[in-house]
Amino acid sequence: MAEEPRDVRRIFREGTLIEKALQEGARLALETHRRAGLPLVIWRDGRTVWVTPDEFERILNARPASS
């Protein structure tokens, strides 16, 4: 079965698919770093900070996963 073509202008106008993709990408980056035990640099309160793997669980729980 052929997939329906997507209206790129509508996707950009609505932004929903873009927002979900960005959220999922951020969640996957956090999860990858947590599993590897590596810190991650994030933007917090107007500056860049290192987030340790110990903080990842709290961050992942605070951000809803994409559906």
Protein backbone atom coordinates (compact mmCIF):
# COMPACT_ATOMS: atom_id res chain seq x y z
CA MET A 1 0.00 0.00 0.00
CA ALA A 2 1.44 3.40 -0.99
CA GLU A 3 1.94 6.01 1.71
CA GLU A 4 0.05 9.29 1.34
CA PRO A 5 2.26 12.25 0.43
CA ARG A 6 2.68 14.70 3.29
CA ASP A 7 1.94 18.39 2.91
CA VAL A 8 5.23 19.94 4.05
CA ARG A 9 3.74 23.43 4.36
CA ARG A 10 1.00 22.12 6.66
CA ILE A 11 3.55 20.22 8.77
CA PHE A 12 5.63 23.37 9.28
CA ARG A 13 2.55 25.53 9.91
CA GLU A 14 1.13 23.19 12.56
CA GLY A 15 4.51 22.24 14.04
CA THR A 16 3.14 19.20 15.89
CA LEU A 17 5.22 16.58 14.06
CA ILE A 18 8.32 18.76 14.35
CA GLU A 19 7.82 19.27 18.08
CA LYS A 20 7.32 15.53 18.64
CA ALA A 21 10.49 14.74 16.65
CA LEU A 22 12.54 17.23 18.69
CA GLN A 23 11.19 15.89 21.98
CA GLU A 24 11.91 12.30 20.96
CA GLY A 25 15.44 13.22 19.84
CA ALA A 26 16.16 14.91 23.17
CA ARG A 27 14.75 11.96 25.10
CA LEU A 28 16.86 9.50 23.12
CA ALA A 29 20.01 11.59 23.65
CA LEU A 30 19.41 11.68 27.40
CA GLU A 31 18.74 7.95 27.51
CA THR A 32 21.86 7.15 25.45
CA HIS A 33 24.09 9.23 27.72
CA ARG A 34 22.48 7.77 30.86
CA ARG A 35 23.07 4.20 29.69
CA ALA A 36 26.70 4.98 28.81
CA GLY A 37 27.23 6.73 32.16
CA LEU A 38 28.33 9.92 30.42
CA PRO A 39 27.46 13.48 31.47
CA LEU A 40 25.53 15.69 29.07
CA VAL A 41 25.69 19.45 28.60
CA ILE A 42 22.28 21.15 28.71
CA TRP A 43 20.95 24.73 28.87
CA ARG A 44 19.54 25.56 32.31
CA ASP A 45 18.65 28.95 33.80
CA GLY A 46 20.40 30.89 31.06
CA ARG A 47 23.69 28.99 31.07
CA THR A 48 25.21 25.69 30.04
CA VAL A 49 25.64 23.06 32.75
CA TRP A 50 26.87 19.47 32.97
CA VAL A 51 24.18 16.99 33.98
CA THR A 52 25.45 13.80 35.58
CA PRO A 53 23.92 10.39 34.96
CA ASP A 54 22.49 10.58 38.51
CA GLU A 55 20.29 13.50 37.40
CA PHE A 56 19.08 11.82 34.19
CA GLU A 57 16.26 9.82 35.77
CA ARG A 58 14.69 12.98 37.19
CA ILE A 59 15.00 14.77 33.84
CA LEU A 60 13.57 11.85 31.87
CA ASN A 61 10.61 11.58 34.26
CA ALA A 62 9.93 15.32 34.01
CA ARG A 63 9.68 15.23 30.18
CA PRO A 64 6.77 13.34 28.63
CA ALA A 65 7.73 10.72 26.05
CA SER A 66 6.35 11.25 22.54
CA SER A 67 3.38 9.11 21.60
